[in-house]
Amino acid sequence: MARKPAAKANSGANGTPLLEWIAGAVGLGLVLMTLAVIGHEAMVGDSSPPAVTVEAKAVHAVKDGWLVEIEVINSGGSPAAQVAVEGDLTLPARAPETAEASFDYVPDHSRRRGGLFFADDPRRGQLSLRAKGYVEP
Protein backbone atom coordinates (compact mmCIF):
# COMPACT_ATOMS: atom_id res chain seq x y z
CA MET A 1 0.00 0.00 0.00
CA ALA A 2 1.55 3.26 -1.18
CA ARG A 3 1.35 6.25 1.03
CA LYS A 4 0.35 9.65 -0.30
CA PRO A 5 2.84 12.44 0.37
CA ALA A 6 1.76 14.54 3.30
CA ALA A 7 0.24 17.86 2.22
CA LYS A 8 1.91 21.02 3.51
CA ALA A 9 -0.11 22.64 6.24
CA ASN A 10 -1.64 26.01 5.33
CA SER A 11 -0.37 26.02 1.75
CA GLY A 12 -2.01 27.71 -1.22
CA ALA A 13 -2.93 26.17 -4.56
CA ASN A 14 0.65 25.95 -5.85
CA GLY A 15 2.24 24.82 -2.60
CA THR A 16 3.33 28.28 -1.37
CA PRO A 17 2.70 28.67 2.36
CA LEU A 18 -0.09 31.05 3.32
CA LEU A 19 2.27 33.13 5.46
CA GLU A 20 4.38 33.92 2.39
CA TRP A 21 1.26 35.14 0.55
CA ILE A 22 0.37 37.38 3.49
CA ALA A 23 3.92 38.79 3.75
CA GLY A 24 3.98 39.44 0.00
CA ALA A 25 0.63 41.23 0.12
CA VAL A 26 1.75 43.42 3.05
CA GLY A 27 5.01 44.27 1.23
CA LEU A 28 3.16 45.15 -1.97
CA GLY A 29 0.76 47.36 0.00
CA LEU A 30 3.64 49.24 1.63
CA VAL A 31 5.40 49.80 -1.70
CA LEU A 32 2.20 51.08 -3.32
CA MET A 33 1.50 53.44 -0.42
CA THR A 34 5.08 54.80 -0.56
CA LEU A 35 4.78 55.43 -4.30
CA ALA A 36 1.42 57.15 -3.78
CA VAL A 37 2.84 59.51 -1.14
CA ILE A 38 5.89 60.37 -3.27
CA GLY A 39 3.70 60.93 -6.32
CA HIS A 40 1.30 63.15 -4.37
CA GLU A 41 4.18 65.25 -3.00
CA ALA A 42 5.64 65.61 -6.50
CA MET A 43 2.32 66.74 -7.98
CA VAL A 44 0.88 69.01 -5.28
CA GLY A 45 3.74 69.48 -2.77
CA ASP A 46 4.49 72.89 -1.29
CA SER A 47 7.11 74.67 -3.43
CA SER A 48 6.75 78.11 -1.87
CA PRO A 49 9.91 80.08 -1.09
CA PRO A 50 11.51 79.90 2.36
CA ALA A 51 9.62 81.85 5.04
CA VAL A 52 12.21 82.39 7.77
CA THR A 53 11.41 83.91 11.17
CA VAL A 54 13.53 84.21 14.31
CA GLU A 55 12.41 83.87 17.93
CA ALA A 56 14.28 84.42 21.20
CA LYS A 57 13.96 81.39 23.50
CA ALA A 58 16.09 82.14 26.56
CA VAL A 59 18.71 84.53 27.95
CA HIS A 60 21.73 83.28 29.94
CA ALA A 61 24.61 85.03 31.67
CA VAL A 62 27.95 83.79 30.29
CA LYS A 63 31.55 84.56 31.19
CA ASP A 64 31.95 87.70 29.06
CA GLY A 65 28.36 88.89 28.69
CA TRP A 66 24.98 87.45 27.76
CA LEU A 67 23.76 84.69 25.45
CA VAL A 68 20.37 84.86 23.76
CA GLU A 69 19.26 81.43 22.58
CA ILE A 70 17.37 81.77 19.30
CA GLU A 71 15.28 79.52 17.11
CA VAL A 72 15.14 79.97 13.33
CA ILE A 73 11.87 78.71 11.85
CA ASN A 74 11.39 78.02 8.15
CA SER A 75 7.65 77.63 7.54
CA GLY A 76 8.04 77.84 3.77
CA GLY A 77 8.05 75.01 1.27
CA SER A 78 11.71 75.34 0.20
CA PRO A 79 14.95 74.97 2.17
CA ALA A 80 17.31 77.87 2.87
CA ALA A 81 21.10 77.78 3.15
CA GLN A 82 23.52 80.22 4.79
CA VAL A 83 20.70 81.95 6.67
CA ALA A 84 22.01 85.19 8.16
CA VAL A 85 20.39 86.29 11.44
CA GLU A 86 20.88 89.65 13.13
CA GLY A 87 19.99 90.78 16.61
CA ASP A 88 19.91 94.46 17.60
CA LEU A 89 19.93 95.42 21.28
CA THR A 90 18.93 98.97 22.21
CA LEU A 91 19.45 100.09 25.81
CA PRO A 92 18.62 103.51 27.29
CA ALA A 93 21.54 105.98 27.11
CA ARG A 94 23.80 103.47 25.29
CA ALA A 95 24.84 102.87 21.73
CA PRO A 96 22.94 100.04 20.00
CA GLU A 97 24.66 96.65 20.02
CA THR A 98 24.44 94.17 17.12
CA ALA A 99 25.15 90.44 17.03
CA GLU A 100 25.01 88.09 14.05
CA ALA A 101 24.82 84.37 13.44
CA SER A 102 24.70 82.20 10.33
CA PHE A 103 22.86 78.91 9.92
CA ASP A 104 24.31 76.57 7.30
CA TYR A 105 21.01 74.92 6.34
CA VAL A 106 17.38 75.26 7.41
CA PRO A 107 15.14 72.67 5.68
CA ASP A 108 11.57 73.52 4.71
CA HIS A 109 9.02 73.21 7.54
CA SER A 110 11.75 72.91 10.20
CA ARG A 111 13.47 74.66 13.12
CA ARG A 112 17.12 75.19 14.02
CA ARG A 113 18.59 76.59 17.25
CA GLY A 114 21.58 78.84 17.84
CA GLY A 115 22.65 81.82 19.89
CA LEU A 116 23.68 85.47 19.82
CA PHE A 117 26.20 87.01 22.24
CA PHE A 118 25.80 90.49 23.73
CA ALA A 119 27.88 92.50 26.20
CA ASP A 120 24.79 93.89 27.97
CA ASP A 121 21.75 92.12 29.43
CA PRO A 122 19.14 91.93 26.63
CA ARG A 123 16.34 91.80 29.22
CA ARG A 124 17.03 95.41 30.20
CA GLY A 125 16.53 96.81 26.71
CA GLN A 126 14.74 96.32 23.41
CA LEU A 127 15.91 93.26 21.44
CA SER A 128 14.90 92.89 17.81
CA LEU A 129 15.70 89.77 15.80
CA ARG A 130 15.45 89.26 12.05
CA ALA A 131 16.63 87.02 9.26
CA LYS A 132 18.73 89.07 6.84
CA GLY A 133 18.99 86.66 3.91
CA TYR A 134 19.65 83.20 2.54
CA VAL A 135 20.84 81.37 -0.56
CA GLU A 136 19.21 78.48 -2.35
CA PRO A 137 20.96 75.21 -1.54
C-alpha atoms as a PDB file:
ATOM      1  CA  MET A   1       0.000   0.000   0.000  1.00  0.00           C
ATOM      2  CA  ALA A   2       1.554   3.264  -1.183  1.00  0.00           C
ATOM      3  CA  ARG A   3       1.351   6.255   1.029  1.00  0.00           C
ATOM      4  CA  LYS A   4       0.352   9.649  -0.301  1.00  0.00           C
ATOM      5  CA  PRO A   5       2.842  12.438   0.375  1.00  0.00           C
ATOM      6  CA  ALA A   6       1.764  14.543   3.303  1.00  0.00           C
ATOM      7  CA  ALA A   7       0.239  17.860   2.221  1.00  0.00           C
ATOM      8  CA  LYS A   8       1.908  21.015   3.514  1.00  0.00           C
ATOM      9  CA  ALA A   9      -0.105  22.637   6.242  1.00  0.00           C
ATOM     10  CA  ASN A  10      -1.637  26.012   5.333  1.00  0.00           C
ATOM     11  CA  SER A  11      -0.369  26.017   1.755  1.00  0.00           C
ATOM     12  CA  GLY A  12      -2.007  27.711  -1.218  1.00  0.00           C
ATOM     13  CA  ALA A  13      -2.926  26.170  -4.559  1.00  0.00           C
ATOM     14  CA  ASN A  14       0.651  25.947  -5.846  1.00  0.00           C
ATOM     15  CA  GLY A  15       2.242  24.819  -2.605  1.00  0.00           C
ATOM     16  CA  THR A  16       3.331  28.277  -1.370  1.00  0.00           C
ATOM     17  CA  PRO A  17       2.695  28.666   2.357  1.00  0.00           C
ATOM     18  CA  LEU A  18      -0.092  31.054   3.320  1.00  0.00           C
ATOM     19  CA  LEU A  19       2.274  33.133   5.464  1.00  0.00           C
ATOM     20  CA  GLU A  20       4.384  33.922   2.391  1.00  0.00           C
ATOM     21  CA  TRP A  21       1.263  35.138   0.548  1.00  0.00           C
ATOM     22  CA  ILE A  22       0.371  37.380   3.487  1.00  0.00           C
ATOM     23  CA  ALA A  23       3.921  38.786   3.751  1.00  0.00           C
ATOM     24  CA  GLY A  24       3.979  39.437   0.002  1.00  0.00           C
ATOM     25  CA  ALA A  25       0.630  41.232   0.121  1.00  0.00           C
ATOM     26  CA  VAL A  26       1.755  43.424   3.046  1.00  0.00           C
ATOM     27  CA  GLY A  27       5.010  44.275   1.233  1.00  0.00           C
ATOM     28  CA  LEU A  28       3.157  45.152  -1.967  1.00  0.00           C
ATOM     29  CA  GLY A  29       0.757  47.364  -0.003  1.00  0.00           C
ATOM     30  CA  LEU A  30       3.644  49.244   1.631  1.00  0.00           C
ATOM     31  CA  VAL A  31       5.403  49.797  -1.701  1.00  0.00           C
ATOM     32  CA  LEU A  32       2.198  51.076  -3.323  1.00  0.00           C
ATOM     33  CA  MET A  33       1.505  53.441  -0.418  1.00  0.00           C
ATOM     34  CA  THR A  34       5.078  54.797  -0.558  1.00  0.00           C
ATOM     35  CA  LEU A  35       4.780  55.426  -4.296  1.00  0.00           C
ATOM     36  CA  ALA A  36       1.419  57.147  -3.777  1.00  0.00           C
ATOM     37  CA  VAL A  37       2.844  59.507  -1.135  1.00  0.00           C
ATOM     38  CA  ILE A  38       5.885  60.372  -3.275  1.00  0.00           C
ATOM     39  CA  GLY A  39       3.695  60.932  -6.323  1.00  0.00           C
ATOM     40  CA  HIS A  40       1.297  63.151  -4.366  1.00  0.00           C
ATOM     41  CA  GLU A  41       4.185  65.246  -3.002  1.00  0.00           C
ATOM     42  CA  ALA A  42       5.641  65.614  -6.503  1.00  0.00           C
ATOM     43  CA  MET A  43       2.323  66.736  -7.978  1.00  0.00           C
ATOM     44  CA  VAL A  44       0.883  69.006  -5.277  1.00  0.00           C
ATOM     45  CA  GLY A  45       3.739  69.484  -2.773  1.00  0.00           C
ATOM     46  CA  ASP A  46       4.491  72.892  -1.288  1.00  0.00           C
ATOM     47  CA  SER A  47       7.111  74.668  -3.426  1.00  0.00           C
ATOM     48  CA  SER A  48       6.747  78.110  -1.868  1.00  0.00           C
ATOM     49  CA  PRO A  49       9.913  80.082  -1.088  1.00  0.00           C
ATOM     50  CA  PRO A  50      11.512  79.900   2.365  1.00  0.00           C
ATOM     51  CA  ALA A  51       9.617  81.849   5.041  1.00  0.00           C
ATOM     52  CA  VAL A  52      12.209  82.386   7.772  1.00  0.00           C
ATOM     53  CA  THR A  53      11.408  83.906  11.171  1.00  0.00           C
ATOM     54  CA  VAL A  54      13.534  84.206  14.312  1.00  0.00           C
ATOM     55  CA  GLU A  55      12.408  83.866  17.929  1.00  0.00           C
ATOM     56  CA  ALA A  56      14.281  84.418  21.205  1.00  0.00           C
ATOM     57  CA  LYS A  57      13.962  81.394  23.496  1.00  0.00           C
ATOM     58  CA  ALA A  58      16.094  82.139  26.561  1.00  0.00           C
ATOM     59  CA  VAL A  59      18.709  84.533  27.954  1.00  0.00           C
ATOM     60  CA  HIS A  60      21.729  83.282  29.941  1.00  0.00           C
ATOM     61  CA  ALA A  61      24.606  85.029  31.673  1.00  0.00           C
ATOM     62  CA  VAL A  62      27.947  83.790  30.294  1.00  0.00           C
ATOM     63  CA  LYS A  63      31.551  84.558  31.193  1.00  0.00           C
ATOM     64  CA  ASP A  64      31.952  87.698  29.057  1.00  0.00           C
ATOM     65  CA  GLY A  65      28.356  88.887  28.695  1.00  0.00           C
ATOM     66  CA  TRP A  66      24.984  87.448  27.756  1.00  0.00           C
ATOM     67  CA  LEU A  67      23.760  84.692  25.455  1.00  0.00           C
ATOM     68  CA  VAL A  68      20.372  84.863  23.756  1.00  0.00           C
ATOM     69  CA  GLU A  69      19.265  81.431  22.577  1.00  0.00           C
ATOM     70  CA  ILE A  70      17.367  81.774  19.303  1.00  0.00           C
ATOM     71  CA  GLU A  71      15.281  79.519  17.110  1.00  0.00           C
ATOM     72  CA  VAL A  72      15.144  79.970  13.329  1.00  0.00           C
ATOM     73  CA  ILE A  73      11.869  78.710  11.852  1.00  0.00           C
ATOM     74  CA  ASN A  74      11.387  78.019   8.149  1.00  0.00           C
ATOM     75  CA  SER A  75       7.647  77.631   7.544  1.00  0.00           C
ATOM     76  CA  GLY A  76       8.045  77.840   3.772  1.00  0.00           C
ATOM     77  CA  GLY A  77       8.050  75.013   1.269  1.00  0.00           C
ATOM     78  CA  SER A  78      11.711  75.343   0.203  1.00  0.00           C
ATOM     79  CA  PRO A  79      14.952  74.971   2.165  1.00  0.00           C
ATOM     80  CA  ALA A  80      17.315  77.867   2.871  1.00  0.00           C
ATOM     81  CA  ALA A  81      21.099  77.784   3.154  1.00  0.00           C
ATOM     82  CA  GLN A  82      23.523  80.225   4.789  1.00  0.00           C
ATOM     83  CA  VAL A  83      20.699  81.945   6.674  1.00  0.00           C
ATOM     84  CA  ALA A  84      22.013  85.193   8.165  1.00  0.00           C
ATOM     85  CA  VAL A  85      20.390  86.286  11.442  1.00  0.00           C
ATOM     86  CA  GLU A  86      20.876  89.651  13.126  1.00  0.00           C
ATOM     87  CA  GLY A  87      19.995  90.782  16.613  1.00  0.00           C
ATOM     88  CA  ASP A  88      19.913  94.458  17.601  1.00  0.00           C
ATOM     89  CA  LEU A  89      19.930  95.419  21.276  1.00  0.00           C
ATOM     90  CA  THR A  90      18.926  98.965  22.207  1.00  0.00           C
ATOM     91  CA  LEU A  91      19.446 100.088  25.810  1.00  0.00           C
ATOM     92  CA  PRO A  92      18.622 103.513  27.288  1.00  0.00           C
ATOM     93  CA  ALA A  93      21.545 105.976  27.107  1.00  0.00           C
ATOM     94  CA  ARG A  94      23.796 103.474  25.289  1.00  0.00           C
ATOM     95  CA  ALA A  95      24.844 102.870  21.729  1.00  0.00           C
ATOM     96  CA  PRO A  96      22.942 100.038  19.999  1.00  0.00           C
ATOM     97  CA  GLU A  97      24.659  96.654  20.018  1.00  0.00           C
ATOM     98  CA  THR A  98      24.444  94.171  17.124  1.00  0.00           C
ATOM     99  CA  ALA A  99      25.153  90.435  17.026  1.00  0.00           C
ATOM    100  CA  GLU A 100      25.014  88.093  14.053  1.00  0.00           C
ATOM    101  CA  ALA A 101      24.820  84.365  13.436  1.00  0.00           C
ATOM    102  CA  SER A 102      24.697  82.204  10.328  1.00  0.00           C
ATOM    103  CA  PHE A 103      22.856  78.910   9.918  1.00  0.00           C
ATOM    104  CA  ASP A 104      24.308  76.569   7.299  1.00  0.00           C
ATOM    105  CA  TYR A 105      21.010  74.916   6.343  1.00  0.00           C
ATOM    106  CA  VAL A 106      17.375  75.257   7.414  1.00  0.00           C
ATOM    107  CA  PRO A 107      15.139  72.674   5.676  1.00  0.00           C
ATOM    108  CA  ASP A 108      11.569  73.518   4.715  1.00  0.00           C
ATOM    109  CA  HIS A 109       9.024  73.209   7.541  1.00  0.00           C
ATOM    110  CA  SER A 110      11.752  72.912  10.199  1.00  0.00           C
ATOM    111  CA  ARG A 111      13.466  74.658  13.115  1.00  0.00           C
ATOM    112  CA  ARG A 112      17.122  75.188  14.025  1.00  0.00           C
ATOM    113  CA  ARG A 113      18.589  76.588  17.249  1.00  0.00           C
ATOM    114  CA  GLY A 114      21.579  78.837  17.842  1.00  0.00           C
ATOM    115  CA  GLY A 115      22.654  81.818  19.888  1.00  0.00           C
ATOM    116  CA  LEU A 116      23.682  85.473  19.822  1.00  0.00           C
ATOM    117  CA  PHE A 117      26.196  87.011  22.240  1.00  0.00           C
ATOM    118  CA  PHE A 118      25.799  90.487  23.726  1.00  0.00           C
ATOM    119  CA  ALA A 119      27.884  92.499  26.201  1.00  0.00           C
ATOM    120  CA  ASP A 120      24.789  93.890  27.968  1.00  0.00           C
ATOM    121  CA  ASP A 121      21.752  92.125  29.430  1.00  0.00           C
ATOM    122  CA  PRO A 122      19.139  91.933  26.635  1.00  0.00           C
ATOM    123  CA  ARG A 123      16.336  91.796  29.216  1.00  0.00           C
ATOM    124  CA  ARG A 124      17.031  95.412  30.204  1.00  0.00           C
ATOM    125  CA  GLY A 125      16.531  96.814  26.714  1.00  0.00           C
ATOM    126  CA  GLN A 126      14.741  96.321  23.407  1.00  0.00           C
ATOM    127  CA  LEU A 127      15.914  93.259  21.442  1.00  0.00           C
ATOM    128  CA  SER A 128      14.902  92.893  17.806  1.00  0.00           C
ATOM    129  CA  LEU A 129      15.703  89.773  15.796  1.00  0.00           C
ATOM    130  CA  ARG A 130      15.452  89.257  12.054  1.00  0.00           C
ATOM    131  CA  ALA A 131      16.630  87.023   9.263  1.00  0.00           C
ATOM    132  CA  LYS A 132      18.731  89.069   6.842  1.00  0.00           C
ATOM    133  CA  GLY A 133      18.992  86.663   3.906  1.00  0.00           C
ATOM    134  CA  TYR A 134      19.653  83.198   2.544  1.00  0.00           C
ATOM    135  CA  VAL A 135      20.843  81.373  -0.564  1.00  0.00           C
ATOM    136  CA  GLU A 136      19.210  78.478  -2.353  1.00  0.00           C
ATOM    137  CA  PRO A 137      20.958  75.215  -1.542  1.00  0.00           C
END
